[in-house]
Amino acid sequence: MIPLELYILLASAMFTIGLYGLVTQKNGIKLMMCIELLLNSANINLVAFSASQPNVNGQVFALFSIALAAAEAGVGFAILIALYRLYGTIDLDNINAMRW
């Protein structure tokens, strides 16, 4: 059995990498990947804590989170494709469609 502390360490490392990428990246696809890292680190915590106790509530929440992440990825990539068709780039600094 792997100790719970190692799962928490893995999840915190993934969360840190995702947060760093979210702050520093300008490419839309890289931002989507960093958001997925953040969600997956939360899923690791949910499943690890659920496995360490006799209930399955964390695993059910992780399944809902995975479904939400899949929907978010689909909508996000559709928006990025539409922006690429309009502006010819997915660099979010060069796109000012949401600005006045």
N, C-alpha and C. Protein backbone atom coordinates (compact mmCIF):
# COMPACT_ATOMS: atom_id res chain seq x y z
N MET A 1 0.85 -1.19 0.00
CA MET A 1 0.00 0.00 0.00
C MET A 1 0.89 1.24 0.00
N ILE A 2 0.61 2.13 -0.90
CA ILE A 2 1.36 3.39 -0.99
C ILE A 2 0.81 4.34 0.07
N PRO A 3 1.68 5.00 0.83
CA PRO A 3 1.19 5.91 1.88
C PRO A 3 0.45 7.11 1.29
N LEU A 4 -0.46 7.64 2.06
CA LEU A 4 -1.28 8.76 1.64
C LEU A 4 -0.42 10.01 1.38
N GLU A 5 0.68 10.14 2.11
CA GLU A 5 1.54 11.31 1.96
C GLU A 5 2.14 11.40 0.56
N LEU A 6 2.44 10.26 -0.05
CA LEU A 6 3.01 10.27 -1.40
C LEU A 6 1.97 10.73 -2.43
N TYR A 7 0.72 10.34 -2.24
CA TYR A 7 -0.34 10.83 -3.13
C TYR A 7 -0.50 12.34 -3.00
N ILE A 8 -0.45 12.82 -1.77
CA ILE A 8 -0.58 14.25 -1.54
C ILE A 8 0.61 15.00 -2.13
N LEU A 9 1.80 14.43 -2.02
CA LEU A 9 3.00 15.05 -2.60
C LEU A 9 2.89 15.09 -4.13
N LEU A 10 2.43 14.01 -4.74
CA LEU A 10 2.25 13.99 -6.19
C LEU A 10 1.21 15.01 -6.63
N ALA A 11 0.10 15.07 -5.92
CA ALA A 11 -0.95 16.02 -6.28
C ALA A 11 -0.50 17.46 -6.10
N SER A 12 0.26 17.72 -5.05
CA SER A 12 0.74 19.10 -4.85
C SER A 12 1.77 19.48 -5.90
N ALA A 13 2.61 18.54 -6.33
CA ALA A 13 3.56 18.83 -7.40
C ALA A 13 2.83 19.11 -8.71
N MET A 14 1.82 18.29 -9.02
CA MET A 14 1.03 18.53 -10.23
C MET A 14 0.30 19.86 -10.18
N PHE A 15 -0.24 20.20 -9.02
CA PHE A 15 -0.96 21.46 -8.86
C PHE A 15 0.00 22.64 -9.03
N THR A 16 1.20 22.52 -8.49
CA THR A 16 2.19 23.59 -8.61
C THR A 16 2.61 23.79 -10.06
N ILE A 17 2.84 22.70 -10.77
CA ILE A 17 3.23 22.80 -12.18
C ILE A 17 2.08 23.42 -12.99
N GLY A 18 0.87 22.99 -12.74
CA GLY A 18 -0.29 23.54 -13.44
C GLY A 18 -0.50 25.01 -13.15
N LEU A 19 -0.33 25.40 -11.91
CA LEU A 19 -0.51 26.80 -11.53
C LEU A 19 0.58 27.68 -12.14
N TYR A 20 1.82 27.18 -12.13
CA TYR A 20 2.92 27.93 -12.75
C TYR A 20 2.67 28.10 -14.25
N GLY A 21 2.23 27.04 -14.91
CA GLY A 21 1.94 27.13 -16.33
C GLY A 21 0.77 28.05 -16.61
N LEU A 22 -0.22 28.06 -15.75
CA LEU A 22 -1.39 28.92 -15.94
C LEU A 22 -1.00 30.38 -15.83
N VAL A 23 -0.04 30.69 -14.98
CA VAL A 23 0.39 32.08 -14.79
C VAL A 23 1.34 32.53 -15.90
N THR A 24 2.19 31.64 -16.40
CA THR A 24 3.25 32.06 -17.30
C THR A 24 2.94 31.86 -18.79
N GLN A 25 2.06 30.95 -19.15
CA GLN A 25 1.86 30.63 -20.55
C GLN A 25 0.90 31.61 -21.22
N LYS A 26 1.09 31.79 -22.53
CA LYS A 26 0.23 32.65 -23.31
C LYS A 26 -0.49 31.89 -24.41
N ASN A 27 -0.06 30.68 -24.68
CA ASN A 27 -0.67 29.85 -25.71
C ASN A 27 -1.95 29.22 -25.16
N GLY A 28 -3.02 29.25 -25.94
CA GLY A 28 -4.30 28.76 -25.47
C GLY A 28 -4.31 27.27 -25.17
N ILE A 29 -3.63 26.48 -25.99
CA ILE A 29 -3.61 25.03 -25.77
C ILE A 29 -2.81 24.70 -24.52
N LYS A 30 -1.71 25.40 -24.30
CA LYS A 30 -0.93 25.16 -23.08
C LYS A 30 -1.72 25.55 -21.84
N LEU A 31 -2.52 26.61 -21.94
CA LEU A 31 -3.37 26.99 -20.80
C LEU A 31 -4.40 25.91 -20.50
N MET A 32 -4.98 25.33 -21.54
CA MET A 32 -5.95 24.25 -21.34
C MET A 32 -5.29 23.05 -20.68
N MET A 33 -4.06 22.74 -21.09
CA MET A 33 -3.35 21.62 -20.48
C MET A 33 -3.04 21.90 -19.02
N CYS A 34 -2.72 23.13 -18.68
CA CYS A 34 -2.44 23.48 -17.28
C CYS A 34 -3.70 23.39 -16.43
N ILE A 35 -4.83 23.77 -16.99
CA ILE A 35 -6.10 23.64 -16.27
C ILE A 35 -6.41 22.16 -16.03
N GLU A 36 -6.12 21.32 -17.01
CA GLU A 36 -6.32 19.88 -16.83
C GLU A 36 -5.41 19.33 -15.74
N LEU A 37 -4.18 19.82 -15.66
CA LEU A 37 -3.29 19.40 -14.57
C LEU A 37 -3.86 19.77 -13.21
N LEU A 38 -4.41 20.97 -13.11
CA LEU A 38 -5.02 21.40 -11.84
C LEU A 38 -6.19 20.49 -11.46
N LEU A 39 -7.03 20.19 -12.42
CA LEU A 39 -8.18 19.32 -12.12
C LEU A 39 -7.76 17.90 -11.78
N ASN A 40 -6.74 17.40 -12.48
CA ASN A 40 -6.28 16.04 -12.20
C ASN A 40 -5.61 15.94 -10.83
N SER A 41 -4.94 17.00 -10.40
CA SER A 41 -4.34 16.96 -9.05
C SER A 41 -5.44 16.92 -7.99
N ALA A 42 -6.52 17.64 -8.23
CA ALA A 42 -7.65 17.57 -7.28
C ALA A 42 -8.27 16.17 -7.30
N ASN A 43 -8.35 15.55 -8.48
CA ASN A 43 -8.89 14.19 -8.56
C ASN A 43 -8.02 13.19 -7.82
N ILE A 44 -6.71 13.34 -7.90
CA ILE A 44 -5.81 12.45 -7.17
C ILE A 44 -6.06 12.57 -5.67
N ASN A 45 -6.22 13.79 -5.19
CA ASN A 45 -6.51 13.98 -3.76
C ASN A 45 -7.85 13.34 -3.38
N LEU A 46 -8.87 13.55 -4.20
CA LEU A 46 -10.17 12.98 -3.89
C LEU A 46 -10.13 11.46 -3.81
N VAL A 47 -9.49 10.83 -4.78
CA VAL A 47 -9.43 9.37 -4.80
C VAL A 47 -8.54 8.84 -3.69
N ALA A 48 -7.43 9.53 -3.41
CA ALA A 48 -6.52 9.06 -2.36
C ALA A 48 -7.18 9.12 -0.99
N PHE A 49 -7.88 10.22 -0.70
CA PHE A 49 -8.54 10.31 0.60
C PHE A 49 -9.73 9.37 0.69
N SER A 50 -10.38 9.12 -0.44
CA SER A 50 -11.50 8.18 -0.43
C SER A 50 -11.00 6.75 -0.22
N ALA A 51 -9.86 6.43 -0.79
CA ALA A 51 -9.32 5.08 -0.62
C ALA A 51 -8.79 4.84 0.80
N SER A 52 -8.37 5.91 1.46
CA SER A 52 -7.84 5.74 2.81
C SER A 52 -8.94 5.59 3.86
N GLN A 53 -10.19 5.90 3.50
CA GLN A 53 -11.32 5.77 4.40
C GLN A 53 -12.33 4.82 3.78
N PRO A 54 -13.27 4.31 4.55
CA PRO A 54 -14.17 3.27 4.01
C PRO A 54 -15.28 3.78 3.09
N ASN A 55 -15.38 5.08 2.81
CA ASN A 55 -16.46 5.55 1.94
C ASN A 55 -15.96 5.81 0.52
N VAL A 56 -16.89 5.94 -0.42
CA VAL A 56 -16.54 6.16 -1.82
C VAL A 56 -16.97 7.53 -2.31
N ASN A 57 -17.24 8.44 -1.41
CA ASN A 57 -17.71 9.77 -1.81
C ASN A 57 -16.68 10.50 -2.66
N GLY A 58 -15.41 10.39 -2.32
CA GLY A 58 -14.37 11.06 -3.09
C GLY A 58 -14.25 10.52 -4.49
N GLN A 59 -14.47 9.22 -4.65
CA GLN A 59 -14.39 8.63 -5.99
C GLN A 59 -15.56 9.08 -6.86
N VAL A 60 -16.72 9.24 -6.25
CA VAL A 60 -17.88 9.74 -7.00
C VAL A 60 -17.65 11.18 -7.42
N PHE A 61 -17.12 12.00 -6.51
CA PHE A 61 -16.81 13.39 -6.87
C PHE A 61 -15.73 13.46 -7.95
N ALA A 62 -14.78 12.53 -7.91
CA ALA A 62 -13.74 12.51 -8.94
C ALA A 62 -14.34 12.16 -10.30
N LEU A 63 -15.31 11.26 -10.35
CA LEU A 63 -15.97 10.95 -11.62
C LEU A 63 -16.71 12.16 -12.17
N PHE A 64 -17.40 12.90 -11.30
CA PHE A 64 -18.06 14.12 -11.74
C PHE A 64 -17.05 15.15 -12.23
N SER A 65 -15.93 15.24 -11.56
CA SER A 65 -14.89 16.18 -11.96
C SER A 65 -14.28 15.80 -13.30
N ILE A 66 -14.11 14.51 -13.56
CA ILE A 66 -13.60 14.06 -14.85
C ILE A 66 -14.59 14.39 -15.96
N ALA A 67 -15.88 14.20 -15.71
CA ALA A 67 -16.89 14.55 -16.71
C ALA A 67 -16.90 16.05 -16.96
N LEU A 68 -16.76 16.83 -15.91
CA LEU A 68 -16.71 18.28 -16.05
C LEU A 68 -15.47 18.70 -16.83
N ALA A 69 -14.34 18.06 -16.58
CA ALA A 69 -13.10 18.38 -17.30
C ALA A 69 -13.22 18.04 -18.78
N ALA A 70 -13.89 16.95 -19.10
CA ALA A 70 -14.08 16.59 -20.50
C ALA A 70 -14.96 17.61 -21.22
N ALA A 71 -16.01 18.05 -20.56
CA ALA A 71 -16.88 19.07 -21.16
C ALA A 71 -16.13 20.39 -21.31
N GLU A 72 -15.34 20.74 -20.32
CA GLU A 72 -14.55 21.98 -20.37
C GLU A 72 -13.55 21.92 -21.50
N ALA A 73 -12.91 20.79 -21.69
CA ALA A 73 -11.93 20.66 -22.76
C ALA A 73 -12.60 20.77 -24.12
N GLY A 74 -13.74 20.15 -24.28
CA GLY A 74 -14.46 20.23 -25.56
C GLY A 74 -14.87 21.65 -25.91
N VAL A 75 -15.45 22.35 -24.95
CA VAL A 75 -15.87 23.73 -25.19
C VAL A 75 -14.66 24.64 -25.37
N GLY A 76 -13.63 24.44 -24.56
CA GLY A 76 -12.43 25.28 -24.66
C GLY A 76 -11.73 25.13 -25.99
N PHE A 77 -11.60 23.89 -26.46
CA PHE A 77 -10.95 23.69 -27.76
C PHE A 77 -11.80 24.22 -28.90
N ALA A 78 -13.11 24.14 -28.78
CA ALA A 78 -13.99 24.73 -29.80
C ALA A 78 -13.82 26.24 -29.86
N ILE A 79 -13.70 26.87 -28.70
CA ILE A 79 -13.47 28.32 -28.66
C ILE A 79 -12.10 28.66 -29.26
N LEU A 80 -11.08 27.86 -28.95
CA LEU A 80 -9.76 28.12 -29.51
C LEU A 80 -9.73 27.94 -31.03
N ILE A 81 -10.46 26.95 -31.54
CA ILE A 81 -10.52 26.77 -32.99
C ILE A 81 -11.23 27.95 -33.64
N ALA A 82 -12.30 28.43 -33.02
CA ALA A 82 -13.00 29.60 -33.57
C ALA A 82 -12.10 30.84 -33.54
N LEU A 83 -11.34 31.02 -32.47
CA LEU A 83 -10.41 32.16 -32.41
C LEU A 83 -9.31 32.03 -33.44
N TYR A 84 -8.84 30.81 -33.68
CA TYR A 84 -7.80 30.61 -34.69
C TYR A 84 -8.33 30.92 -36.09
N ARG A 85 -9.57 30.55 -36.34
CA ARG A 85 -10.16 30.86 -37.65
C ARG A 85 -10.35 32.35 -37.84
N LEU A 86 -10.67 33.08 -36.77
CA LEU A 86 -10.87 34.52 -36.88
C LEU A 86 -9.55 35.29 -36.98
N TYR A 87 -8.58 34.96 -36.12
CA TYR A 87 -7.38 35.77 -35.99
C TYR A 87 -6.13 35.11 -36.54
N GLY A 88 -6.15 33.82 -36.80
CA GLY A 88 -4.97 33.14 -37.33
C GLY A 88 -3.92 32.81 -36.29
N THR A 89 -4.23 32.97 -35.02
CA THR A 89 -3.28 32.66 -33.95
C THR A 89 -4.06 32.21 -32.71
N ILE A 90 -3.37 31.47 -31.85
CA ILE A 90 -3.98 31.12 -30.56
C ILE A 90 -3.19 31.72 -29.41
N ASP A 91 -2.29 32.66 -29.75
CA ASP A 91 -1.57 33.40 -28.72
C ASP A 91 -2.55 34.39 -28.09
N LEU A 92 -2.86 34.22 -26.85
CA LEU A 92 -3.93 34.98 -26.22
C LEU A 92 -3.56 36.44 -25.96
N ASP A 93 -2.29 36.79 -26.04
CA ASP A 93 -1.92 38.20 -25.91
C ASP A 93 -2.25 38.98 -27.18
N ASN A 94 -2.22 38.31 -28.32
CA ASN A 94 -2.51 38.98 -29.59
C ASN A 94 -3.99 39.07 -29.90
N ILE A 95 -4.79 38.38 -29.16
CA ILE A 95 -6.24 38.38 -29.39
C ILE A 95 -6.88 39.33 -28.39
N ASN A 96 -7.58 40.33 -28.88
CA ASN A 96 -8.23 41.29 -27.99
C ASN A 96 -9.72 41.35 -28.26
N ALA A 97 -10.33 40.22 -28.54
CA ALA A 97 -11.76 40.17 -28.86
C ALA A 97 -12.63 40.49 -27.63
N MET A 98 -12.12 40.23 -26.45
CA MET A 98 -12.92 40.45 -25.24
C MET A 98 -12.67 41.83 -24.64
N ARG A 99 -11.81 42.61 -25.24
CA ARG A 99 -11.51 43.94 -24.72
C ARG A 99 -12.38 44.98 -25.41
N TRP A 100 -12.54 46.11 -24.77
CA TRP A 100 -13.34 47.17 -25.34
C TRP A 100 -12.50 47.92 -26.30
